Amino acid sequence: MEHVVVERQDRGVHRHDPSAYLAVLPDLRESLPPGARAFACDPGHYDFQAPRCVKDLKLAALPPALPAASAGFELRLLCCRGEQEHGLTLRYTGVSEVDVTTDDGGPFDLGDVNSLRLDEILPHPAGCTHELRFTTATIRVTCADIVADWDPDPAPGAD
């Protein structure tokens, strides 16, 4: 990632710092497509205490290797609270590139240990790039736009 910092400090311990990205986001926002801009600029996006923070979400399934030209796809990220599943659906349109890399070159682990640390959305001539840094892997999507839909928050006491 260019501005967001995710550094592994020890086994299972990471330093997360989106402050440099948040500092440049006001200058980048008008260069982002509308959906990507709304998602990146959401006040809860990097607020680690907010219910709509991306940190610690779990990926439900891998993206397709490379969708057909101008195709789109969805990524589902989950946060389990008690017995209620709560999450985020990211809908990518006009996808031109998808890159999934793991730190060890092995398969992407969809288990709880490989949660989303943080992400970063940047302008690109095709629209934007969305880089999602997980504990042991990275997904980078180049697309025309992103629409982020959060599930309604679980009702208090519904766990």
Protein backbone atom coordinates (compact mmCIF):
# COMPACT_ATOMS: atom_id res chain seq x y z
CA MET A 1 0.00 0.00 0.00
CA GLU A 2 1.16 3.49 -0.73
CA HIS A 3 -0.07 5.39 2.35
CA VAL A 4 -1.72 2.98 4.81
CA VAL A 5 0.73 1.22 7.12
CA VAL A 6 0.27 -2.39 8.16
CA GLU A 7 3.42 -3.79 9.78
CA ARG A 8 3.78 -7.19 11.35
CA GLN A 9 5.57 -6.72 14.67
CA ASP A 10 5.27 -10.22 16.09
CA ARG A 11 3.26 -13.37 15.50
CA GLY A 12 -0.34 -12.19 15.47
CA VAL A 13 0.65 -8.59 16.32
CA HIS A 14 0.41 -5.82 13.73
CA ARG A 15 0.78 -2.06 13.76
CA HIS A 16 -2.04 -0.36 11.85
CA ASP A 17 -1.80 3.28 10.85
CA PRO A 18 -4.10 4.85 8.25
CA SER A 19 -3.17 8.43 9.24
CA ALA A 20 -0.99 9.18 6.16
CA TYR A 21 -3.81 7.99 3.88
CA LEU A 22 -6.40 10.03 5.79
CA ALA A 23 -4.13 13.08 5.41
CA VAL A 24 -4.03 12.77 1.57
CA LEU A 25 -7.62 11.57 1.13
CA PRO A 26 -9.08 15.10 0.91
CA ASP A 27 -6.81 15.72 -2.12
CA LEU A 28 -7.62 12.32 -3.67
CA ARG A 29 -11.37 12.24 -3.11
CA GLU A 30 -12.39 14.14 -6.26
CA SER A 31 -10.25 11.80 -8.38
CA LEU A 32 -12.07 8.71 -7.08
CA PRO A 33 -15.22 7.33 -8.73
CA PRO A 34 -18.39 8.10 -6.71
CA GLY A 35 -18.85 4.71 -5.03
CA ALA A 36 -15.18 4.36 -4.16
CA ARG A 37 -15.14 7.92 -2.83
CA ALA A 38 -18.17 7.29 -0.59
CA PHE A 39 -16.62 4.08 0.79
CA ALA A 40 -13.14 5.54 1.35
CA CYS A 41 -14.49 8.72 2.96
CA ASP A 42 -16.98 7.00 5.28
CA PRO A 43 -16.12 8.30 8.79
CA GLY A 44 -16.19 4.78 10.26
CA HIS A 45 -13.94 3.20 7.62
CA TYR A 46 -10.75 3.53 9.68
CA ASP A 47 -12.29 4.11 13.12
CA PHE A 48 -11.27 0.90 14.90
CA GLN A 49 -14.16 1.28 17.37
CA ALA A 50 -16.84 1.85 14.72
CA PRO A 51 -19.17 -0.95 13.57
CA ARG A 52 -18.35 -0.13 9.93
CA CYS A 53 -14.58 -0.29 10.22
CA VAL A 54 -12.99 -2.71 7.75
CA LYS A 55 -10.33 -3.94 10.19
CA ASP A 56 -10.68 -7.60 11.20
CA LEU A 57 -13.32 -8.55 8.62
CA LYS A 58 -13.02 -12.10 7.23
CA LEU A 59 -13.17 -12.86 3.51
CA ALA A 60 -15.97 -15.32 2.65
CA ALA A 61 -14.60 -16.38 -0.77
CA LEU A 62 -11.80 -15.46 -3.15
CA PRO A 63 -12.46 -13.19 -6.13
CA PRO A 64 -12.42 -14.71 -9.62
CA ALA A 65 -8.92 -14.93 -11.13
CA LEU A 66 -9.68 -12.39 -13.85
CA PRO A 67 -13.24 -11.64 -14.85
CA ALA A 68 -14.18 -11.06 -18.47
CA ALA A 69 -13.50 -7.54 -19.77
CA SER A 70 -15.75 -4.92 -18.16
CA ALA A 71 -17.30 -7.55 -15.93
CA GLY A 72 -17.81 -7.13 -12.25
CA PHE A 73 -17.90 -9.31 -9.18
CA GLU A 74 -18.63 -9.17 -5.47
CA LEU A 75 -16.50 -9.77 -2.41
CA ARG A 76 -18.19 -10.64 0.85
CA LEU A 77 -16.43 -9.78 4.11
CA LEU A 78 -17.87 -10.93 7.43
CA CYS A 79 -17.74 -9.91 11.04
CA CYS A 80 -19.31 -12.42 13.38
CA ARG A 81 -20.94 -11.05 16.50
CA GLY A 82 -22.31 -13.83 18.63
CA GLU A 83 -24.60 -15.89 16.42
CA GLN A 84 -25.43 -12.99 14.10
CA GLU A 85 -23.48 -12.67 10.88
CA HIS A 86 -22.83 -9.06 9.94
CA GLY A 87 -20.76 -7.90 7.06
CA LEU A 88 -19.87 -5.91 4.02
CA THR A 89 -20.46 -6.64 0.35
CA LEU A 90 -18.14 -4.93 -2.12
CA ARG A 91 -19.41 -4.78 -5.71
CA TYR A 92 -16.68 -4.07 -8.26
CA THR A 93 -17.62 -2.83 -11.75
CA GLY A 94 -15.47 -2.57 -14.86
CA VAL A 95 -12.79 -4.84 -13.44
CA SER A 96 -9.58 -4.85 -15.48
CA GLU A 97 -7.23 -6.62 -13.06
CA VAL A 98 -7.36 -8.86 -9.98
CA ASP A 99 -4.20 -9.86 -8.18
CA VAL A 100 -4.17 -12.20 -5.17
CA THR A 101 -0.80 -12.78 -3.52
CA THR A 102 0.08 -14.59 -0.34
CA ASP A 103 3.12 -13.91 1.78
CA ASP A 104 4.39 -17.48 1.48
CA GLY A 105 3.32 -18.16 -2.12
CA GLY A 106 0.82 -20.79 -0.96
CA PRO A 107 -2.96 -20.79 -1.25
CA PHE A 108 -5.02 -17.98 0.28
CA ASP A 109 -6.26 -19.01 3.74
CA LEU A 110 -9.95 -18.15 4.22
CA GLY A 111 -9.74 -19.00 7.94
CA ASP A 112 -10.22 -16.60 10.81
CA VAL A 113 -6.46 -16.16 11.23
CA ASN A 114 -6.26 -14.33 7.86
CA SER A 115 -8.45 -11.32 8.60
CA LEU A 116 -8.43 -7.96 6.84
CA ARG A 117 -5.94 -5.63 8.46
CA LEU A 118 -6.72 -2.48 6.42
CA ASP A 119 -7.34 -1.35 2.86
CA GLU A 120 -6.54 1.57 0.58
CA ILE A 121 -8.39 2.99 -2.42
CA LEU A 122 -6.45 5.11 -4.90
CA PRO A 123 -7.33 6.85 -8.19
CA HIS A 124 -6.34 5.00 -11.37
CA PRO A 125 -6.85 5.84 -15.08
CA ALA A 126 -9.37 2.97 -15.23
CA GLY A 127 -11.21 4.34 -12.15
CA CYS A 128 -9.52 3.17 -8.98
CA THR A 129 -7.46 0.48 -7.31
CA HIS A 130 -8.53 -1.22 -4.11
CA GLU A 131 -5.83 -2.93 -2.13
CA LEU A 132 -6.92 -5.13 0.76
CA ARG A 133 -4.15 -6.23 3.11
CA PHE A 134 -4.96 -9.37 5.08
CA THR A 135 -2.85 -10.96 7.81
CA THR A 136 -1.00 -13.22 5.35
CA ALA A 137 -2.08 -12.03 1.90
CA THR A 138 -3.04 -9.09 -0.32
CA ILE A 139 -5.82 -8.65 -2.86
CA ARG A 140 -5.55 -5.81 -5.37
CA VAL A 141 -8.41 -4.95 -7.72
CA THR A 142 -8.30 -2.39 -10.53
CA CYS A 143 -11.81 -1.36 -11.52
CA ALA A 144 -14.09 1.42 -12.73
CA ASP A 145 -15.84 1.75 -9.35
CA ILE A 146 -16.75 0.05 -6.08
CA VAL A 147 -20.09 0.03 -4.29
CA ALA A 148 -19.91 -0.89 -0.61
CA ASP A 149 -23.05 -2.19 1.12
CA TRP A 150 -22.96 -2.85 4.85
CA ASP A 151 -25.56 -5.17 6.34
CA PRO A 152 -27.78 -3.51 8.89
CA ASP A 153 -26.19 -3.68 12.32
CA PRO A 154 -27.49 -6.60 14.38
CA ALA A 155 -30.15 -5.56 16.84
CA PRO A 156 -28.90 -5.10 20.42
CA GLY A 157 -29.35 -8.32 22.36
CA ALA A 158 -29.88 -10.37 19.18
CA ASP A 159 -26.68 -12.34 19.78
